[in-house]
Amino acid sequence: MLERQFVPESGLVCCPLGPLTPEQGQIVECLLRLEGVLPGRRLAAAVELMDGGTCVGTRMCTVPAQQGGDRVDLVITGLRFYLPEGAQGPLTLRADAHYVDRQECCLLPE
């Protein structure tokens, strides 16, 4: 079971990965759960794998707008990171997500 730490002031969620011995060819795969996504709005999401203070990989994606009248929870799977030989750790995953659309419209003059 993963322990989750939540820091309300910053919106930070920390999930320890557990022990991992970096060797040539190792891959870290994770999923990202987005909760309470508003309908009709696209999302931009980014996940970074950090080795100590150094970023060793970034995955970015745009999530299509969901249809319906209620908020939904979405899961993005298959986020894979190749661990370079010599990764020292500790390894940290950082994620960020923002709405792309604001549901604004621009009326063009006739």
Protein backbone atom coordinates (compact mmCIF):
# COMPACT_ATOMS: atom_id res chain seq x y z
CA MET A 1 0.00 0.00 0.00
CA LEU A 2 1.34 3.42 -0.97
CA GLU A 3 1.43 6.13 1.65
CA ARG A 4 0.06 9.44 0.38
CA GLN A 5 0.99 12.79 1.86
CA PHE A 6 -1.09 15.83 0.96
CA VAL A 7 0.01 19.42 1.58
CA PRO A 8 -3.23 21.48 1.28
CA GLU A 9 -1.54 24.89 0.90
CA SER A 10 0.35 23.84 -2.22
CA GLY A 11 -1.87 21.10 -3.67
CA LEU A 12 1.13 18.74 -3.41
CA VAL A 13 0.53 14.98 -3.24
CA CYS A 14 3.55 12.76 -2.46
CA CYS A 15 3.53 8.98 -3.06
CA PRO A 16 6.74 7.11 -2.19
CA LEU A 17 7.71 4.58 -4.87
CA GLY A 18 9.32 2.14 -2.46
CA PRO A 19 12.72 0.49 -2.90
CA LEU A 20 14.15 0.38 -6.40
CA THR A 21 17.64 -0.60 -7.46
CA PRO A 22 18.55 1.23 -10.67
CA GLU A 23 20.20 -1.10 -13.15
CA GLN A 24 20.68 -0.83 -16.86
CA GLY A 25 17.34 -1.08 -18.66
CA GLN A 26 14.98 -0.46 -15.73
CA ILE A 27 11.70 1.29 -16.41
CA VAL A 28 9.38 3.10 -13.99
CA GLU A 29 5.73 3.05 -15.07
CA CYS A 30 3.07 5.05 -13.30
CA LEU A 31 -0.48 6.24 -13.65
CA LEU A 32 -2.00 9.61 -12.87
CA ARG A 33 -5.50 9.95 -11.43
CA LEU A 34 -7.24 13.27 -12.10
CA GLU A 35 -10.21 13.81 -9.80
CA GLY A 36 -13.23 16.04 -10.36
CA VAL A 37 -12.49 17.02 -13.98
CA LEU A 38 -15.05 19.49 -15.32
CA PRO A 39 -17.00 18.51 -18.46
CA GLY A 40 -16.29 20.24 -21.77
CA ARG A 41 -12.74 21.32 -20.85
CA ARG A 42 -9.43 19.91 -22.05
CA LEU A 43 -6.54 19.34 -19.64
CA ALA A 44 -2.80 19.61 -20.05
CA ALA A 45 -0.89 17.24 -17.73
CA ALA A 46 2.82 16.78 -17.11
CA VAL A 47 4.68 14.17 -15.03
CA GLU A 48 8.40 14.47 -14.24
CA LEU A 49 10.75 11.82 -12.85
CA MET A 50 13.38 13.37 -10.60
CA ASP A 51 16.64 11.73 -9.51
CA GLY A 52 17.54 13.79 -6.47
CA GLY A 53 17.29 17.35 -7.80
CA THR A 54 17.78 16.42 -11.48
CA CYS A 55 14.93 15.80 -13.92
CA VAL A 56 15.62 12.57 -15.83
CA GLY A 57 12.38 12.47 -17.82
CA THR A 58 9.15 14.31 -18.56
CA ARG A 59 5.88 13.07 -20.04
CA MET A 60 3.26 15.55 -21.20
CA CYS A 61 -0.19 14.98 -22.64
CA THR A 62 -3.43 16.77 -23.46
CA VAL A 63 -6.58 15.07 -22.22
CA PRO A 64 -9.64 15.55 -24.48
CA ALA A 65 -12.75 17.21 -23.07
CA GLN A 66 -15.19 14.86 -21.38
CA GLN A 67 -18.89 15.05 -22.19
CA GLY A 68 -21.71 14.97 -19.69
CA GLY A 69 -23.04 17.23 -16.99
CA ASP A 70 -21.02 16.05 -14.00
CA ARG A 71 -17.41 16.10 -12.90
CA VAL A 72 -15.54 12.86 -13.65
CA ASP A 73 -12.42 11.12 -12.40
CA LEU A 74 -9.92 10.18 -15.11
CA VAL A 75 -6.91 7.87 -15.03
CA ILE A 76 -3.96 8.35 -17.39
CA THR A 77 -2.00 5.10 -17.71
CA GLY A 78 1.18 4.00 -19.43
CA LEU A 79 3.42 6.86 -18.28
CA ARG A 80 6.84 5.23 -18.64
CA PHE A 81 10.29 6.48 -17.73
CA TYR A 82 13.57 4.79 -18.63
CA LEU A 83 16.07 4.95 -15.77
CA PRO A 84 19.51 5.91 -17.02
CA GLU A 85 22.43 3.84 -15.82
CA GLY A 86 23.87 5.31 -12.66
CA ALA A 87 20.68 6.84 -11.28
CA GLN A 88 21.42 7.47 -7.61
CA GLY A 89 18.02 8.26 -6.11
CA PRO A 90 15.93 9.06 -4.26
CA LEU A 91 13.51 8.98 -7.19
CA THR A 92 10.55 11.36 -7.10
CA LEU A 93 7.55 11.74 -9.41
CA ARG A 94 6.05 15.22 -9.81
CA ALA A 95 2.75 15.86 -11.58
CA ASP A 96 0.90 18.99 -12.62
CA ALA A 97 -2.39 19.47 -14.49
CA HIS A 98 -4.21 22.58 -15.71
CA TYR A 99 -7.29 23.28 -17.78
CA VAL A 100 -6.54 24.40 -21.35
CA ASP A 101 -10.01 25.81 -22.05
CA ARG A 102 -11.79 28.46 -20.03
CA GLN A 103 -15.11 28.13 -21.85
CA GLU A 104 -14.69 31.64 -23.20
CA CYS A 105 -16.01 32.76 -26.56
CA CYS A 106 -15.03 35.54 -28.88
CA LEU A 107 -17.76 37.24 -30.87
CA LEU A 108 -16.54 38.45 -34.23
CA PRO A 109 -17.89 41.77 -35.51
CA GLU A 110 -20.25 41.51 -38.45
